[in-house]
Structure formats: structure tokens, C-alpha cells
C-alpha atoms as a PDB file:
ATOM      1  CA  ARG A   1      10.744   1.684  74.197  1.00  0.00           C
ATOM      2  CA  GLU A   2      14.181   2.542  72.880  1.00  0.00           C
ATOM      3  CA  LEU A   3      15.718   0.814  69.896  1.00  0.00           C
ATOM      4  CA  GLY A   4      17.946  -1.993  71.117  1.00  0.00           C
ATOM      5  CA  GLN A   5      16.010  -2.582  74.304  1.00  0.00           C
ATOM      6  CA  ARG A   6      15.182  -6.149  75.209  1.00  0.00           C
ATOM      7  CA  ALA A   7      11.694  -7.232  74.165  1.00  0.00           C
ATOM      8  CA  GLY A   8      12.062 -10.604  75.851  1.00  0.00           C
ATOM      9  CA  GLY A   9      13.876 -13.904  75.447  1.00  0.00           C
ATOM     10  CA  LEU A  10      13.546 -17.031  73.355  1.00  0.00           C
ATOM     11  CA  THR A  11      11.115 -19.656  74.522  1.00  0.00           C
ATOM     12  CA  GLU A  12      12.227 -23.288  74.644  1.00  0.00           C
ATOM     13  CA  GLN A  13      10.414 -23.972  71.365  1.00  0.00           C
ATOM     14  CA  ALA A  14      12.006 -20.967  69.599  1.00  0.00           C
ATOM     15  CA  ALA A  15      15.410 -21.951  70.976  1.00  0.00           C
ATOM     16  CA  ALA A  16      14.943 -25.427  69.481  1.00  0.00           C
ATOM     17  CA  TRP A  17      14.042 -23.929  66.105  1.00  0.00           C
ATOM     18  CA  THR A  18      17.131 -21.724  66.009  1.00  0.00           C
ATOM     19  CA  GLY A  19      19.692 -23.771  67.908  1.00  0.00           C
ATOM     20  CA  LEU A  20      20.172 -20.907  70.372  1.00  0.00           C
ATOM     21  CA  LYS A  21      19.930 -20.962  74.147  1.00  0.00           C
ATOM     22  CA  THR A  22      16.662 -20.361  75.882  1.00  0.00           C
ATOM     23  CA  HIS A  23      16.100 -16.802  77.103  1.00  0.00           C
ATOM     24  CA  THR A  24      18.549 -15.423  74.473  1.00  0.00           C
ATOM     25  CA  ALA A  25      17.764 -11.715  74.323  1.00  0.00           C
ATOM     26  CA  VAL A  26      15.482 -10.496  71.538  1.00  0.00           C
ATOM     27  CA  ALA A  27      15.571  -6.791  70.664  1.00  0.00           C
ATOM     28  CA  ILE A  28      12.428  -4.845  69.833  1.00  0.00           C
ATOM     29  CA  GLY A  29      11.693  -4.576  66.120  1.00  0.00           C
ATOM     30  CA  ASN A  30      13.445  -2.069  63.883  1.00  0.00           C
ATOM     31  CA  THR A  31      13.638  -1.110  60.215  1.00  0.00           C
ATOM     32  CA  ASP A  32      16.265  -2.863  58.084  1.00  0.00           C
ATOM     33  CA  ALA A  33      17.483   0.405  56.536  1.00  0.00           C
ATOM     34  CA  HIS A  34      17.647   2.200  59.868  1.00  0.00           C
ATOM     35  CA  VAL A  35      19.819  -0.419  61.568  1.00  0.00           C
ATOM     36  CA  ALA A  36      22.292   0.000  58.694  1.00  0.00           C
ATOM     37  CA  VAL A  37      23.165   3.488  59.985  1.00  0.00           C
ATOM     38  CA  PRO A  38      25.032   2.386  63.129  1.00  0.00           C
ATOM     39  CA  ALA A  39      26.316  -0.626  61.166  1.00  0.00           C
ATOM     40  CA  ALA A  40      27.979   1.914  58.858  1.00  0.00           C
ATOM     41  CA  GLY A  41      29.734   3.433  61.878  1.00  0.00           C
ATOM     42  CA  VAL A  42      27.427   6.444  62.139  1.00  0.00           C
ATOM     43  CA  ALA A  43      25.748   7.331  65.431  1.00  0.00           C
ATOM     44  CA  GLU A  44      26.029  11.129  65.320  1.00  0.00           C
ATOM     45  CA  PRO A  45      24.652  14.058  63.279  1.00  0.00           C
ATOM     46  CA  ARG A  46      26.030  15.583  60.048  1.00  0.00           C
ATOM     47  CA  ARG A  47      27.001  12.263  58.463  1.00  0.00           C
ATOM     48  CA  MET A  48      24.571  10.855  55.897  1.00  0.00           C
ATOM     49  CA  VAL A  49      24.387   7.118  55.327  1.00  0.00           C
ATOM     50  CA  ILE A  50      23.281   6.133  51.821  1.00  0.00           C
ATOM     51  CA  ILE A  51      22.295   2.540  51.115  1.00  0.00           C
ATOM     52  CA  MET A  52      23.145   2.353  47.427  1.00  0.00           C
ATOM     53  CA  GLY A  53      21.638  -0.353  45.283  1.00  0.00           C
ATOM     54  CA  THR A  54      18.742  -0.633  42.866  1.00  0.00           C
ATOM     55  CA  SER A  55      17.491   2.485  44.659  1.00  0.00           C
ATOM     56  CA  ASN A  56      19.053   4.803  47.248  1.00  0.00           C
ATOM     57  CA  CYS A  57      17.974   5.284  50.853  1.00  0.00           C
ATOM     58  CA  ASN A  58      19.409   8.457  52.421  1.00  0.00           C
ATOM     59  CA  MET A  59      19.440   8.693  56.226  1.00  0.00           C
ATOM     60  CA  VAL A  60      20.768  11.270  58.659  1.00  0.00           C
ATOM     61  CA  VAL A  61      20.216  12.116  62.322  1.00  0.00           C
ATOM     62  CA  SER A  62      19.978  15.515  63.979  1.00  0.00           C
ATOM     63  CA  GLU A  63      19.871  16.921  67.500  1.00  0.00           C
ATOM     64  CA  GLY A  64      16.794  19.005  66.718  1.00  0.00           C
ATOM     65  CA  GLU A  65      13.339  18.546  65.264  1.00  0.00           C
ATOM     66  CA  ASN A  66      13.134  20.110  61.811  1.00  0.00           C
ATOM     67  CA  VAL A  67      10.382  20.110  59.219  1.00  0.00           C
ATOM     68  CA  VAL A  68      11.999  18.965  55.978  1.00  0.00           C
ATOM     69  CA  PRO A  69       9.743  19.075  52.901  1.00  0.00           C
ATOM     70  CA  GLY A  70       9.723  16.230  50.430  1.00  0.00           C
ATOM     71  CA  ILE A  71      11.115  13.469  52.662  1.00  0.00           C
ATOM     72  CA  CYS A  72       9.590  10.249  53.882  1.00  0.00           C
ATOM     73  CA  GLY A  73       9.392  11.514  57.449  1.00  0.00           C
ATOM     74  CA  TYR A  74      11.312  11.833  60.681  1.00  0.00           C
ATOM     75  CA  VAL A  75      11.011  10.151  64.057  1.00  0.00           C
ATOM     76  CA  GLU A  76      12.530  11.059  67.397  1.00  0.00           C
ATOM     77  CA  ASP A  77      14.694   8.109  68.536  1.00  0.00           C
ATOM     78  CA  GLY A  78      13.864   6.517  65.164  1.00  0.00           C
ATOM     79  CA  ILE A  79      17.448   5.637  64.163  1.00  0.00           C
ATOM     80  CA  ILE A  80      19.682   6.549  67.112  1.00  0.00           C
ATOM     81  CA  PRO A  81      18.131   7.039  70.595  1.00  0.00           C
ATOM     82  CA  GLY A  82      18.247  10.674  71.706  1.00  0.00           C
ATOM     83  CA  LEU A  83      18.338  12.025  68.144  1.00  0.00           C
ATOM     84  CA  PHE A  84      15.815  12.679  65.399  1.00  0.00           C
ATOM     85  CA  GLY A  85      16.089  10.288  62.487  1.00  0.00           C
ATOM     86  CA  TYR A  86      15.365  11.505  58.949  1.00  0.00           C
ATOM     87  CA  GLU A  87      14.973   9.473  55.755  1.00  0.00           C
ATOM     88  CA  ALA A  88      14.805  10.391  52.082  1.00  0.00           C
ATOM     89  CA  GLY A  89      15.420   8.339  48.972  1.00  0.00           C
ATOM     90  CA  GLN A  90      15.793   7.932  45.239  1.00  0.00           C
ATOM     91  CA  ALA A  91      13.542   5.437  43.490  1.00  0.00           C
ATOM     92  CA  CYS A  92      15.885   4.491  40.643  1.00  0.00           C
ATOM     93  CA  VAL A  93      19.676   4.158  40.818  1.00  0.00           C
ATOM     94  CA  GLY A  94      21.098   0.710  40.072  1.00  0.00           C
ATOM     95  CA  ASP A  95      17.875  -0.071  38.193  1.00  0.00           C
ATOM     96  CA  HIS A  96      18.718   2.943  36.041  1.00  0.00           C
ATOM     97  CA  PHE A  97      22.014   1.462  34.894  1.00  0.00           C
ATOM     98  CA  ALA A  98      20.603  -2.041  34.469  1.00  0.00           C
ATOM     99  CA  TRP A  99      17.841  -0.692  32.203  1.00  0.00           C
ATOM    100  CA  PHE A 100      20.448   0.985  30.016  1.00  0.00           C
ATOM    101  CA  THR A 101      22.721  -2.041  29.668  1.00  0.00           C
ATOM    102  CA  GLU A 102      19.801  -4.381  28.964  1.00  0.00           C
ATOM    103  CA  ASN A 103      18.074  -2.205  26.381  1.00  0.00           C
ATOM    104  CA  CYS A 104      20.387   0.340  24.801  1.00  0.00           C
ATOM    105  CA  LEU A 105      23.792  -1.125  23.960  1.00  0.00           C
ATOM    106  CA  PRO A 106      25.140  -2.119  20.536  1.00  0.00           C
ATOM    107  CA  ALA A 107      26.324  -5.697  20.060  1.00  0.00           C
ATOM    108  CA  ALA A 108      29.904  -4.483  19.627  1.00  0.00           C
ATOM    109  CA  TYR A 109      30.053  -3.398  23.262  1.00  0.00           C
ATOM    110  CA  GLU A 110      28.731  -6.733  24.496  1.00  0.00           C
ATOM    111  CA  GLU A 111      31.272  -8.547  22.354  1.00  0.00           C
ATOM    112  CA  ALA A 112      34.157  -6.344  23.550  1.00  0.00           C
ATOM    113  CA  ALA A 113      33.290  -7.058  27.188  1.00  0.00           C
ATOM    114  CA  LYS A 114      32.987 -10.779  26.485  1.00  0.00           C
ATOM    115  CA  GLN A 115      36.371 -10.935  24.739  1.00  0.00           C
ATOM    116  CA  ARG A 116      38.055  -9.232  27.676  1.00  0.00           C
ATOM    117  CA  GLY A 117      36.286 -11.369  30.260  1.00  0.00           C
ATOM    118  CA  ILE A 118      34.687  -8.416  32.045  1.00  0.00           C
ATOM    119  CA  SER A 119      31.089  -7.364  32.645  1.00  0.00           C
ATOM    120  CA  ILE A 120      29.400  -4.804  30.450  1.00  0.00           C
ATOM    121  CA  HIS A 121      29.216  -2.482  33.477  1.00  0.00           C
ATOM    122  CA  GLN A 122      32.989  -2.728  33.907  1.00  0.00           C
ATOM    123  CA  LEU A 123      33.510  -1.864  30.249  1.00  0.00           C
ATOM    124  CA  LEU A 124      31.177   1.120  30.445  1.00  0.00           C
ATOM    125  CA  GLU A 125      32.742   2.312  33.682  1.00  0.00           C
ATOM    126  CA  GLU A 126      36.180   2.196  32.067  1.00  0.00           C
ATOM    127  CA  LYS A 127      35.026   4.127  28.997  1.00  0.00           C
ATOM    128  CA  ALA A 128      32.984   6.615  31.027  1.00  0.00           C
ATOM    129  CA  ALA A 129      35.916   7.250  33.395  1.00  0.00           C
ATOM    130  CA  ALA A 130      37.962   8.476  30.417  1.00  0.00           C
ATOM    131  CA  LEU A 131      35.474  11.325  29.957  1.00  0.00           C
ATOM    132  CA  SER A 132      35.758  14.655  31.756  1.00  0.00           C
ATOM    133  CA  PRO A 133      32.762  16.201  33.543  1.00  0.00           C
ATOM    134  CA  GLY A 134      30.718  18.087  30.968  1.00  0.00           C
ATOM    135  CA  GLU A 135      32.511  16.525  28.001  1.00  0.00           C
ATOM    136  CA  SER A 136      29.485  14.600  26.740  1.00  0.00           C
ATOM    137  CA  GLY A 137      27.186  17.619  26.582  1.00  0.00           C
ATOM    138  CA  LEU A 138      24.474  15.494  28.181  1.00  0.00           C
ATOM    139  CA  LEU A 139      22.188  16.128  31.133  1.00  0.00           C
ATOM    140  CA  ALA A 140      19.698  13.586  32.471  1.00  0.00           C
ATOM    141  CA  LEU A 141      16.846  13.547  34.967  1.00  0.00           C
ATOM    142  CA  ASP A 142      16.875  10.482  37.238  1.00  0.00           C
ATOM    143  CA  ARG A 143      13.163   9.686  37.174  1.00  0.00           C
ATOM    144  CA  TRP A 144      12.985   6.367  35.354  1.00  0.00           C
ATOM    145  CA  ASN A 145      10.890   5.168  38.303  1.00  0.00           C
ATOM    146  CA  GLY A 146       9.366   8.460  39.424  1.00  0.00           C
ATOM    147  CA  ASN A 147      10.744  10.777  42.110  1.00  0.00           C
ATOM    148  CA  ARG A 148      10.746   9.798  45.773  1.00  0.00           C
ATOM    149  CA  SER A 149      12.552  12.837  47.201  1.00  0.00           C
ATOM    150  CA  VAL A 150      12.138  15.737  47.070  1.00  0.00           C
ATOM    151  CA  LEU A 151       9.097  15.925  44.806  1.00  0.00           C
ATOM    152  CA  VAL A 152       7.411  12.725  46.025  1.00  0.00           C
ATOM    153  CA  ASP A 153       5.773  12.095  42.656  1.00  0.00           C
ATOM    154  CA  ALA A 154       5.679   8.619  41.122  1.00  0.00           C
ATOM    155  CA  ASP A 155       4.201   9.913  37.848  1.00  0.00           C
ATOM    156  CA  LEU A 156       7.352  11.767  36.776  1.00  0.00           C
ATOM    157  CA  THR A 157       9.587  10.170  34.148  1.00  0.00           C
ATOM    158  CA  GLY A 158      13.206  10.381  33.013  1.00  0.00           C
ATOM    159  CA  MET A 159      14.812  12.342  30.238  1.00  0.00           C
ATOM    160  CA  ILE A 160      18.184  12.935  28.581  1.00  0.00           C
ATOM    161  CA  LEU A 161      18.996  16.329  27.066  1.00  0.00           C
ATOM    162  CA  GLY A 162      21.759  17.098  24.581  1.00  0.00           C
ATOM    163  CA  MET A 163      22.059  13.916  22.517  1.00  0.00           C
ATOM    164  CA  THR A 164      23.369  14.106  18.943  1.00  0.00           C
ATOM    165  CA  LEU A 165      24.350  11.604  16.247  1.00  0.00           C
ATOM    166  CA  ALA A 166      27.826  11.622  17.821  1.00  0.00           C
ATOM    167  CA  THR A 167      26.621  10.573  21.293  1.00  0.00           C
ATOM    168  CA  LYS A 168      28.219   7.351  22.536  1.00  0.00           C
ATOM    169  CA  PRO A 169      26.860   4.734  24.976  1.00  0.00           C
ATOM    170  CA  GLU A 170      29.462   5.538  27.629  1.00  0.00           C
ATOM    171  CA  GLU A 171      28.412   9.193  27.523  1.00  0.00           C
ATOM    172  CA  ILE A 172      24.808   8.239  28.219  1.00  0.00           C
ATOM    173  CA  TYR A 173      25.932   5.819  30.950  1.00  0.00           C
ATOM    174  CA  ARG A 174      27.935   8.548  32.652  1.00  0.00           C
ATOM    175  CA  ALA A 175      25.058  11.026  32.326  1.00  0.00           C
ATOM    176  CA  LEU A 176      22.759   8.562  34.081  1.00  0.00           C
ATOM    177  CA  ILE A 177      25.271   8.161  36.917  1.00  0.00           C
ATOM    178  CA  GLU A 178      25.591  11.933  37.198  1.00  0.00           C
ATOM    179  CA  ALA A 179      21.798  12.315  37.259  1.00  0.00           C
ATOM    180  CA  THR A 180      21.536  10.112  40.347  1.00  0.00           C
ATOM    181  CA  ALA A 181      24.338  12.126  41.966  1.00  0.00           C
ATOM    182  CA  TYR A 182      22.462  15.367  41.251  1.00  0.00           C
ATOM    183  CA  GLY A 183      19.397  13.823  42.891  1.00  0.00           C
ATOM    184  CA  THR A 184      21.479  13.012  45.965  1.00  0.00           C
ATOM    185  CA  ARG A 185      22.849  16.561  46.067  1.00  0.00           C
ATOM    186  CA  MET A 186      19.312  17.931  45.900  1.00  0.00           C
ATOM    187  CA  ILE A 187      18.334  15.759  48.863  1.00  0.00           C
ATOM    188  CA  ILE A 188      21.376  16.934  50.841  1.00  0.00           C
ATOM    189  CA  GLU A 189      20.727  20.601  50.047  1.00  0.00           C
ATOM    190  CA  ASN A 190      17.062  20.177  50.914  1.00  0.00           C
ATOM    191  CA  PHE A 191      18.074  18.824  54.320  1.00  0.00           C
ATOM    192  CA  ALA A 192      20.605  21.633  54.830  1.00  0.00           C
ATOM    193  CA  ALA A 193      18.056  24.323  53.940  1.00  0.00           C
ATOM    194  CA  SER A 194      15.809  22.922  56.675  1.00  0.00           C
ATOM    195  CA  GLY A 195      18.491  22.874  59.356  1.00  0.00           C
ATOM    196  CA  VAL A 196      19.760  19.299  59.000  1.00  0.00           C
ATOM    197  CA  ALA A 197      23.400  19.603  57.948  1.00  0.00           C
ATOM    198  CA  VAL A 198      25.319  16.919  56.042  1.00  0.00           C
ATOM    199  CA  HIS A 199      29.131  17.228  56.016  1.00  0.00           C
ATOM    200  CA  GLU A 200      30.076  13.695  54.981  1.00  0.00           C
ATOM    201  CA  ILE A 201      28.598  10.683  53.215  1.00  0.00           C
ATOM    202  CA  VAL A 202      29.066   7.054  54.248  1.00  0.00           C
ATOM    203  CA  ALA A 203      27.980   4.612  51.554  1.00  0.00           C
ATOM    204  CA  THR A 204      26.860   1.031  52.029  1.00  0.00           C
ATOM    205  CA  GLY A 205      24.878  -1.487  49.999  1.00  0.00           C
ATOM    206  CA  GLY A 206      25.759  -3.194  46.734  1.00  0.00           C
ATOM    207  CA  LEU A 207      26.955  -0.354  44.490  1.00  0.00           C
ATOM    208  CA  PRO A 208      30.074   0.825  46.397  1.00  0.00           C
ATOM    209  CA  ASP A 209      31.784  -2.457  45.501  1.00  0.00           C
ATOM    210  CA  ARG A 210      30.696  -2.421  41.883  1.00  0.00           C
ATOM    211  CA  ASN A 211      31.499   1.033  40.523  1.00  0.00           C
ATOM    212  CA  LYS A 212      34.329   3.259  41.756  1.00  0.00           C
ATOM    213  CA  LEU A 213      33.537   5.881  39.112  1.00  0.00           C
ATOM    214  CA  LEU A 214      30.059   6.282  40.566  1.00  0.00           C
ATOM    215  CA  MET A 215      31.515   6.847  44.033  1.00  0.00           C
ATOM    216  CA  GLN A 216      33.917   9.525  42.766  1.00  0.00           C
ATOM    217  CA  ILE A 217      31.165  11.270  40.810  1.00  0.00           C
ATOM    218  CA  TYR A 218      28.995  11.390  43.945  1.00  0.00           C
ATOM    219  CA  ALA A 219      31.851  13.030  45.850  1.00  0.00           C
ATOM    220  CA  ASP A 220      32.531  15.486  43.025  1.00  0.00           C
ATOM    221  CA  VAL A 221      28.866  16.408  42.533  1.00  0.00           C
ATOM    222  CA  THR A 222      27.973  16.791  46.220  1.00  0.00           C
ATOM    223  CA  GLY A 223      31.265  18.405  47.220  1.00  0.00           C
ATOM    224  CA  ARG A 224      31.486  16.095  50.217  1.00  0.00           C
ATOM    225  CA  PRO A 225      33.896  13.279  51.083  1.00  0.00           C
ATOM    226  CA  LEU A 226      32.429   9.855  50.574  1.00  0.00           C
ATOM    227  CA  LYS A 227      33.534   6.956  52.762  1.00  0.00           C
ATOM    228  CA  ILE A 228      32.622   3.269  52.574  1.00  0.00           C
ATOM    229  CA  ALA A 229      31.193   1.197  55.411  1.00  0.00           C
ATOM    230  CA  GLY A 230      33.300  -1.759  56.472  1.00  0.00           C
ATOM    231  CA  THR A 231      30.409  -4.207  56.174  1.00  0.00           C
ATOM    232  CA  ARG A 232      28.633  -5.286  52.996  1.00  0.00           C
ATOM    233  CA  GLN A 233      25.651  -6.521  55.015  1.00  0.00           C
ATOM    234  CA  GLY A 234      24.456  -3.439  56.878  1.00  0.00           C
ATOM    235  CA  GLY A 235      20.996  -4.762  57.709  1.00  0.00           C
ATOM    236  CA  ALA A 236      22.305  -8.019  59.158  1.00  0.00           C
ATOM    237  CA  LYS A 237      25.141  -6.391  61.087  1.00  0.00           C
ATOM    238  CA  GLY A 238      22.896  -3.634  62.406  1.00  0.00           C
ATOM    239  CA  SER A 239      20.462  -6.252  63.647  1.00  0.00           C
ATOM    240  CA  ALA A 240      23.295  -8.068  65.413  1.00  0.00           C
ATOM    241  CA  MET A 241      24.432  -4.819  67.009  1.00  0.00           C
ATOM    242  CA  HIS A 242      20.963  -4.129  68.390  1.00  0.00           C
ATOM    243  CA  ALA A 243      20.842  -7.704  69.642  1.00  0.00           C
ATOM    244  CA  ALA A 244      24.117  -7.083  71.476  1.00  0.00           C
ATOM    245  CA  VAL A 245      22.548  -4.041  73.107  1.00  0.00           C
ATOM    246  CA  ALA A 246      19.460  -6.040  74.039  1.00  0.00           C
ATOM    247  CA  ALA A 247      21.705  -8.657  75.652  1.00  0.00           C
ATOM    248  CA  GLY A 248      23.437  -6.001  77.735  1.00  0.00           C
ATOM    249  CA  LYS A 249      26.915  -5.783  79.209  1.00  0.00           C
ATOM    250  CA  ALA A 250      26.345  -8.576  81.687  1.00  0.00           C
ATOM    251  CA  ALA A 251      25.914 -11.012  78.807  1.00  0.00           C
ATOM    252  CA  GLY A 252      28.887  -9.686  76.841  1.00  0.00           C
ATOM    253  CA  GLY A 253      26.947  -7.053  74.901  1.00  0.00           C
ATOM    254  CA  TYR A 254      26.827  -3.278  75.108  1.00  0.00           C
ATOM    255  CA  ALA A 255      24.985  -0.674  77.141  1.00  0.00           C
ATOM    256  CA  ASN A 256      23.665   1.255  74.124  1.00  0.00           C
ATOM    257  CA  ILE A 257      23.915   1.448  70.342  1.00  0.00           C
ATOM    258  CA  VAL A 258      26.471   4.271  70.420  1.00  0.00           C
ATOM    259  CA  GLU A 259      28.810   2.091  72.465  1.00  0.00           C
ATOM    260  CA  ALA A 260      28.164  -0.838  70.113  1.00  0.00           C
ATOM    261  CA  THR A 261      28.889   1.362  67.093  1.00  0.00           C
ATOM    262  CA  LYS A 262      32.292   2.339  68.458  1.00  0.00           C
ATOM    263  CA  ALA A 263      33.214  -1.251  69.242  1.00  0.00           C
ATOM    264  CA  MET A 264      31.708  -3.223  66.379  1.00  0.00           C
ATOM    265  CA  THR A 265      32.145  -1.118  63.226  1.00  0.00           C
ATOM    266  CA  ARG A 266      34.815   0.336  61.002  1.00  0.00           C
ATOM    267  CA  LEU A 267      35.161   2.237  57.750  1.00  0.00           C
ATOM    268  CA  ARG A 268      37.265   0.996  54.861  1.00  0.00           C
ATOM    269  CA  ASP A 269      40.533   2.708  54.084  1.00  0.00           C
ATOM    270  CA  GLU A 270      39.275   3.974  50.717  1.00  0.00           C
ATOM    271  CA  CYS A 271      37.797   7.463  50.649  1.00  0.00           C
ATOM    272  CA  TYR A 272      36.551   9.484  47.705  1.00  0.00           C
ATOM    273  CA  THR A 273      37.474  13.150  48.047  1.00  0.00           C
ATOM    274  CA  PRO A 274      35.845  15.882  45.919  1.00  0.00           C
ATOM    275  CA  GLN A 275      38.110  17.077  43.110  1.00  0.00           C
ATOM    276  CA  PRO A 276      37.882  20.903  42.910  1.00  0.00           C
ATOM    277  CA  ALA A 277      38.050  21.121  39.110  1.00  0.00           C
ATOM    278  CA  ALA A 278      35.364  18.472  38.643  1.00  0.00           C
ATOM    279  CA  ASN A 279      33.216  19.997  41.368  1.00  0.00           C
ATOM    280  CA  ALA A 280      33.345  23.393  39.634  1.00  0.00           C
ATOM    281  CA  VAL A 281      32.004  21.904  36.385  1.00  0.00           C
ATOM    282  CA  TYR A 282      29.374  19.929  38.251  1.00  0.00           C
ATOM    283  CA  ASP A 283      28.200  23.109  39.973  1.00  0.00           C
ATOM    284  CA  ARG A 284      27.331  24.455  36.522  1.00  0.00           C
ATOM    285  CA  LEU A 285      25.673  21.219  35.435  1.00  0.00           C
ATOM    286  CA  TYR A 286      23.742  20.960  38.693  1.00  0.00           C
ATOM    287  CA  ALA A 287      22.307  24.440  38.136  1.00  0.00           C
ATOM    288  CA  GLU A 288      20.968  23.211  34.800  1.00  0.00           C
ATOM    289  CA  TYR A 289      19.655  20.052  36.472  1.00  0.00           C
ATOM    290  CA  ILE A 290      17.690  22.192  38.934  1.00  0.00           C
ATOM    291  CA  THR A 291      16.133  24.100  36.021  1.00  0.00           C
ATOM    292  CA  LEU A 292      14.923  20.874  34.384  1.00  0.00           C
ATOM    293  CA  HIS A 293      14.003  19.283  37.724  1.00  0.00           C
ATOM    294  CA  ASP A 294      11.739  22.178  38.661  1.00  0.00           C
ATOM    295  CA  TYR A 295      10.292  22.876  35.206  1.00  0.00           C
ATOM    296  CA  PHE A 296       9.176  19.287  34.662  1.00  0.00           C
ATOM    297  CA  GLY A 297       8.445  18.594  38.315  1.00  0.00           C
ATOM    298  CA  ARG A 298       7.008  21.712  39.934  1.00  0.00           C
ATOM    299  CA  GLY A 299       4.376  22.779  37.425  1.00  0.00           C
ATOM    300  CA  GLY A 300       6.348  24.449  34.625  1.00  0.00           C
ATOM    301  CA  SER A 301       5.138  21.710  32.315  1.00  0.00           C
ATOM    302  CA  ASP A 302       3.173  18.541  33.047  1.00  0.00           C
ATOM    303  CA  VAL A 303       4.133  16.978  29.715  1.00  0.00           C
ATOM    304  CA  MET A 304       5.597  13.915  31.453  1.00  0.00           C
ATOM    305  CA  LYS A 305       2.282  13.147  33.117  1.00  0.00           C
ATOM    306  CA  ARG A 306       0.307  13.857  29.952  1.00  0.00           C
ATOM    307  CA  MET A 307       2.493  11.434  28.028  1.00  0.00           C
ATOM    308  CA  LYS A 308       1.946   8.734  30.666  1.00  0.00           C
ATOM    309  CA  ALA A 309      -1.799   9.361  30.533  1.00  0.00           C
ATOM    310  CA  LEU A 310      -1.778   9.140  26.730  1.00  0.00           C
ATOM    311  CA  LYS A 311       0.130   5.868  26.880  1.00  0.00           C
ATOM    312  CA  ALA A 312      -2.398   4.446  29.338  1.00  0.00           C
ATOM    313  CA  ASP A 313      -5.291   5.514  27.094  1.00  0.00           C
ATOM    314  CA  VAL A 314      -3.720   3.897  24.033  1.00  0.00           C
ATOM    315  CA  LEU A 315      -2.960   0.646  25.868  1.00  0.00           C
ATOM    316  CA  ALA A 316      -6.480   0.538  27.303  1.00  0.00           C
ATOM    317  CA  GLY A 317      -7.915   0.800  23.799  1.00  0.00           C
ATOM    318  CA  LYS A 318      -5.859  -2.032  22.291  1.00  0.00           C
END
């Protein structure tokens, strides 16, 4: 059955539990991430929705069936009826930044944020925004929690290249942000190479409201405009939209999810446009990222896995 179709109605007992009317339409089950796509105003191909939070979930639909290596899978009618739905993801994004702020900052930074009445993330964002792309001399791999796409390998780990005695916390913070953006670009290019084009990004989730620098870096690294969904609760709104489809026009709902998307969603006015000068520098950095990504992830060296195995052996012997 199609997403948004009516599975049935509430029984009298269920209506009493919820305070709703009996026979209220109930839509067939769906995935919380997938319903966030129409909730972000996307019901057509070539626009990728990224749920950005502790991790990233990258979703796009396409008219055709394409075999895309290194993704979680694809399902016909899986996100939008009549189209093939594809999903990829990054295992560590917001968790990446939280790890850094909780474990790697000097007391002076914490004190400076406290005196100004701002969060440590706001302080780091401000300091990192004053840096130009490439200025830090740092390059990171975003594998603090393994790699979900495109290598699909949980045993990989993170790294930072280029640190010196002059390296500052904000430079590391920015490098970690950039690393997650490179991972997103790799996912997008992997889709494109397999026939699933991505011309625009629509972001939703918790991070778009918390870090404008991150949004701009994603636009600059990927070379694609990045827009923000009007809702902060994509899963809840997407569920409501499918419920409106299940109810149908006769009950004040909609005939299909495309119609509901047009009527019930909007994008915010803010849009992050790629800056040509920054994008040119990030093209050079991304080429270096690919070198490290492949060397430590596609068999050039398995040192990351050997180090994890050694750690496990040592801990087992304690």
C-alpha cells in the first residue's frame, strides 16, 4: 500500500485514550526520517534533505532505479509514491562537536564564554568564523563513530592532520565542521556518479538553528545552495501530513502527499549560497580529504583497525 493510505480508523477504546473521535483515520506506518522529506517541502527529485543533528541522515528521491554503492538502500515508493527513495548518512556530526567541547578545551575558553553569557559552541563558532578556508592548515576525517556512507565501516576512526604547537581550539573546531561537510559532499558525488543528481540541499533537524557557520561551510564545500525547512519538528509534521492524506479530501485532508507538501510546508527565508572563493579553496582541501579517506578506508592502510584491535587486546588483559 502507498505511504499515506488509510490503514483504518480508531476504535472506541483508542479514541478514549487519545481524546480523538472514533474512526479518525490512521495512516499506514512510515519511517520517522522519511516523513521529514515532504515535511521539509521536498516531494521531487534533485533536492536532498539532510536531517542534521548528532548524526546526519541524507535522503533524496529519483525517477529511476539506480544502484548506488555504499548507501543504506533504496525503495520504490519508499519516501514519495511514484519515485525511488534513497538514504545515506553520516554517523557522527553533532556528536563530533560535543566530544570536542567536552574533552579538548582550555579553561580560558570556558571562562570567556561564561563571562559573555554565551555557550561554548557560540564562542567557538564566532572564533572559527573569523578564519578563512584553509587558514588553519588542518584537515580532519569525520570518523569519530565509524563511517556509515560511503564506506559502511564502523571500525574506522577519526584523525586530524596538520596540527602544530600554534594550532588553536577554534581551528580544530572548524576543521571538524569541514570534515563533516566533506563527508556530505562525498555522499552527494557518490549519488551523482550513480545517476541520482542533487542540485540543492534542504536542511532540517537541530543543527540548522544552532550554527550558521556550519550551514555556510556546507554550502561552500558542496557547491550547492542550502535552504532551511520551515519546521523544526520534521518527523512530527511529516506524520501529520501523512495523516491528512489518510483522512482524504472529504475529511478536510489531501489527495496525496505531493498535494499536502504544497499546502502544508514552507522554507525559511534564509538561504546559504556557495561563495566562489571559498568553494575554490575547499575544492583543493576536498581533494586531499579524498586521498586520506581512501587511503585509510579502502585498503591503503588498515592502521585504524589495527589500533582498535590493539586497544581491545590491552583492555581485555587488564
